[in-house]
Amino acid sequence: FGSVGFVWGYCKTAMGKTATLLSAIAMGLGIYALQQNGYLSIDWYKMQEDAIGSRAYKKVDVFKKLAVAKKLPLWIKDAINRFIGMSKTALDLNKVSVAT
């Protein structure tokens, strides 16, 4: 009977992922349809620029005080530092301001 539970759990997971994907596609198409019919005004070029983000990023060295850093290759450390720096820059550029 354990295999029945495993199969049921696997099916539930697959169905959940499929439902999530289909709902996301439906919402995206709905928003696009609203924009095409004039109910929404979306600047797609601005969204593209914001999604790509800035190429300039803050220099971050997260491995400065870690002993593990000596064992990692330089290209891995650079990639991680670049990713964290780009993430911090993106968060700084996309801060939400609340009007009071």
C-alpha atoms as a PDB file:
ATOM      1  CA  PHE A   1       0.000   0.000   0.000  1.00  0.00           C
ATOM      2  CA  GLY A   2       2.996   2.291   0.315  1.00  0.00           C
ATOM      3  CA  SER A   3       3.393   2.496  -3.439  1.00  0.00           C
ATOM      4  CA  VAL A   4      -0.197   3.728  -3.811  1.00  0.00           C
ATOM      5  CA  GLY A   5       0.564   6.623  -1.476  1.00  0.00           C
ATOM      6  CA  PHE A   6       3.724   7.428  -3.361  1.00  0.00           C
ATOM      7  CA  VAL A   7       1.929   7.462  -6.709  1.00  0.00           C
ATOM      8  CA  TRP A   8      -0.915   9.580  -5.299  1.00  0.00           C
ATOM      9  CA  GLY A   9       1.568  12.075  -3.862  1.00  0.00           C
ATOM     10  CA  TYR A  10       3.433  12.249  -7.151  1.00  0.00           C
ATOM     11  CA  CYS A  11       0.177  12.847  -9.044  1.00  0.00           C
ATOM     12  CA  LYS A  12      -0.913  15.584  -6.619  1.00  0.00           C
ATOM     13  CA  THR A  13       2.419  17.334  -7.056  1.00  0.00           C
ATOM     14  CA  ALA A  14       2.232  17.131 -10.851  1.00  0.00           C
ATOM     15  CA  MET A  15      -1.368  18.362 -10.863  1.00  0.00           C
ATOM     16  CA  GLY A  16      -0.470  21.264  -8.567  1.00  0.00           C
ATOM     17  CA  LYS A  17       2.425  22.356 -10.762  1.00  0.00           C
ATOM     18  CA  THR A  18       0.268  22.099 -13.872  1.00  0.00           C
ATOM     19  CA  ALA A  19      -2.546  24.100 -12.268  1.00  0.00           C
ATOM     20  CA  THR A  20      -0.102  26.787 -11.164  1.00  0.00           C
ATOM     21  CA  LEU A  21       1.407  27.043 -14.647  1.00  0.00           C
ATOM     22  CA  LEU A  22      -1.982  27.196 -16.345  1.00  0.00           C
ATOM     23  CA  SER A  23      -3.272  29.862 -13.964  1.00  0.00           C
ATOM     24  CA  ALA A  24      -0.139  31.970 -14.519  1.00  0.00           C
ATOM     25  CA  ILE A  25      -0.552  31.683 -18.289  1.00  0.00           C
ATOM     26  CA  ALA A  26      -4.248  32.585 -18.015  1.00  0.00           C
ATOM     27  CA  MET A  27      -3.464  35.636 -15.881  1.00  0.00           C
ATOM     28  CA  GLY A  28      -0.764  36.763 -18.305  1.00  0.00           C
ATOM     29  CA  LEU A  29      -3.073  36.398 -21.272  1.00  0.00           C
ATOM     30  CA  GLY A  30      -5.845  38.178 -19.365  1.00  0.00           C
ATOM     31  CA  ILE A  31      -3.620  41.141 -18.579  1.00  0.00           C
ATOM     32  CA  TYR A  32      -2.452  41.273 -22.189  1.00  0.00           C
ATOM     33  CA  ALA A  33      -6.066  41.170 -23.429  1.00  0.00           C
ATOM     34  CA  LEU A  34      -7.036  43.996 -21.068  1.00  0.00           C
ATOM     35  CA  GLN A  35      -4.119  46.023 -22.364  1.00  0.00           C
ATOM     36  CA  GLN A  36      -5.036  45.351 -26.003  1.00  0.00           C
ATOM     37  CA  ASN A  37      -8.654  46.434 -25.395  1.00  0.00           C
ATOM     38  CA  GLY A  38      -7.575  49.706 -23.799  1.00  0.00           C
ATOM     39  CA  TYR A  39      -8.417  48.981 -20.169  1.00  0.00           C
ATOM     40  CA  LEU A  40      -4.770  49.009 -19.090  1.00  0.00           C
ATOM     41  CA  SER A  41      -1.869  51.108 -20.248  1.00  0.00           C
ATOM     42  CA  ILE A  42       1.383  49.165 -20.035  1.00  0.00           C
ATOM     43  CA  ASP A  43       4.753  50.491 -21.157  1.00  0.00           C
ATOM     44  CA  TRP A  44       6.343  47.242 -22.348  1.00  0.00           C
ATOM     45  CA  TYR A  45       9.669  48.910 -23.156  1.00  0.00           C
ATOM     46  CA  LYS A  46       9.934  50.231 -19.607  1.00  0.00           C
ATOM     47  CA  MET A  47       9.167  46.742 -18.290  1.00  0.00           C
ATOM     48  CA  GLN A  48      11.864  45.293 -20.518  1.00  0.00           C
ATOM     49  CA  GLU A  49      14.421  47.825 -19.289  1.00  0.00           C
ATOM     50  CA  ASP A  50      13.493  47.144 -15.673  1.00  0.00           C
ATOM     51  CA  ALA A  51      13.617  43.377 -16.179  1.00  0.00           C
ATOM     52  CA  ILE A  52      17.049  43.508 -17.775  1.00  0.00           C
ATOM     53  CA  GLY A  53      18.243  45.908 -15.116  1.00  0.00           C
ATOM     54  CA  SER A  54      21.400  47.851 -14.881  1.00  0.00           C
ATOM     55  CA  ARG A  55      24.711  46.323 -15.860  1.00  0.00           C
ATOM     56  CA  ALA A  56      26.438  48.348 -13.165  1.00  0.00           C
ATOM     57  CA  TYR A  57      26.367  46.667  -9.788  1.00  0.00           C
ATOM     58  CA  LYS A  58      27.834  47.086  -6.365  1.00  0.00           C
ATOM     59  CA  LYS A  59      31.087  45.311  -5.709  1.00  0.00           C
ATOM     60  CA  VAL A  60      30.484  42.806  -2.921  1.00  0.00           C
ATOM     61  CA  ASP A  61      32.979  40.451  -1.336  1.00  0.00           C
ATOM     62  CA  VAL A  62      31.047  37.944   0.753  1.00  0.00           C
ATOM     63  CA  PHE A  63      34.026  35.651   1.156  1.00  0.00           C
ATOM     64  CA  LYS A  64      36.321  38.155   2.839  1.00  0.00           C
ATOM     65  CA  LYS A  65      35.995  36.647   6.330  1.00  0.00           C
ATOM     66  CA  LEU A  66      35.139  33.048   5.456  1.00  0.00           C
ATOM     67  CA  ALA A  67      37.734  30.296   5.696  1.00  0.00           C
ATOM     68  CA  VAL A  68      35.839  28.268   3.093  1.00  0.00           C
ATOM     69  CA  ALA A  69      36.718  30.890   0.490  1.00  0.00           C
ATOM     70  CA  LYS A  70      40.289  29.623   0.237  1.00  0.00           C
ATOM     71  CA  LYS A  71      39.058  26.293  -1.119  1.00  0.00           C
ATOM     72  CA  LEU A  72      36.745  27.717  -3.792  1.00  0.00           C
ATOM     73  CA  PRO A  73      38.002  28.521  -7.288  1.00  0.00           C
ATOM     74  CA  LEU A  74      38.235  32.194  -8.145  1.00  0.00           C
ATOM     75  CA  TRP A  75      35.602  31.991 -10.916  1.00  0.00           C
ATOM     76  CA  ILE A  76      33.012  30.619  -8.467  1.00  0.00           C
ATOM     77  CA  LYS A  77      33.728  33.375  -5.944  1.00  0.00           C
ATOM     78  CA  ASP A  78      33.458  36.021  -8.671  1.00  0.00           C
ATOM     79  CA  ALA A  79      30.181  34.587  -9.951  1.00  0.00           C
ATOM     80  CA  ILE A  80      28.644  34.535  -6.464  1.00  0.00           C
ATOM     81  CA  ASN A  81      29.881  38.033  -5.645  1.00  0.00           C
ATOM     82  CA  ARG A  82      28.539  39.321  -8.978  1.00  0.00           C
ATOM     83  CA  PHE A  83      25.144  37.671  -8.392  1.00  0.00           C
ATOM     84  CA  ILE A  84      24.809  39.144  -4.897  1.00  0.00           C
ATOM     85  CA  GLY A  85      25.923  42.576  -6.095  1.00  0.00           C
ATOM     86  CA  MET A  86      23.452  42.539  -8.985  1.00  0.00           C
ATOM     87  CA  SER A  87      20.677  41.405  -6.649  1.00  0.00           C
ATOM     88  CA  LYS A  88      21.387  44.236  -4.220  1.00  0.00           C
ATOM     89  CA  THR A  89      21.452  46.742  -7.070  1.00  0.00           C
ATOM     90  CA  ALA A  90      18.148  45.429  -8.443  1.00  0.00           C
ATOM     91  CA  LEU A  91      16.553  45.667  -5.006  1.00  0.00           C
ATOM     92  CA  ASP A  92      17.805  49.229  -4.600  1.00  0.00           C
ATOM     93  CA  LEU A  93      16.477  50.243  -8.027  1.00  0.00           C
ATOM     94  CA  ASN A  94      13.060  48.649  -7.483  1.00  0.00           C
ATOM     95  CA  LYS A  95      12.240  49.913  -4.005  1.00  0.00           C
ATOM     96  CA  VAL A  96       8.555  50.544  -3.541  1.00  0.00           C
ATOM     97  CA  SER A  97       7.706  53.975  -2.277  1.00  0.00           C
ATOM     98  CA  VAL A  98       4.495  54.477  -0.342  1.00  0.00           C
ATOM     99  CA  ALA A  99       2.751  57.794  -0.839  1.00  0.00           C
ATOM    100  CA  THR A 100       1.413  59.292   2.369  1.00  0.00           C
END
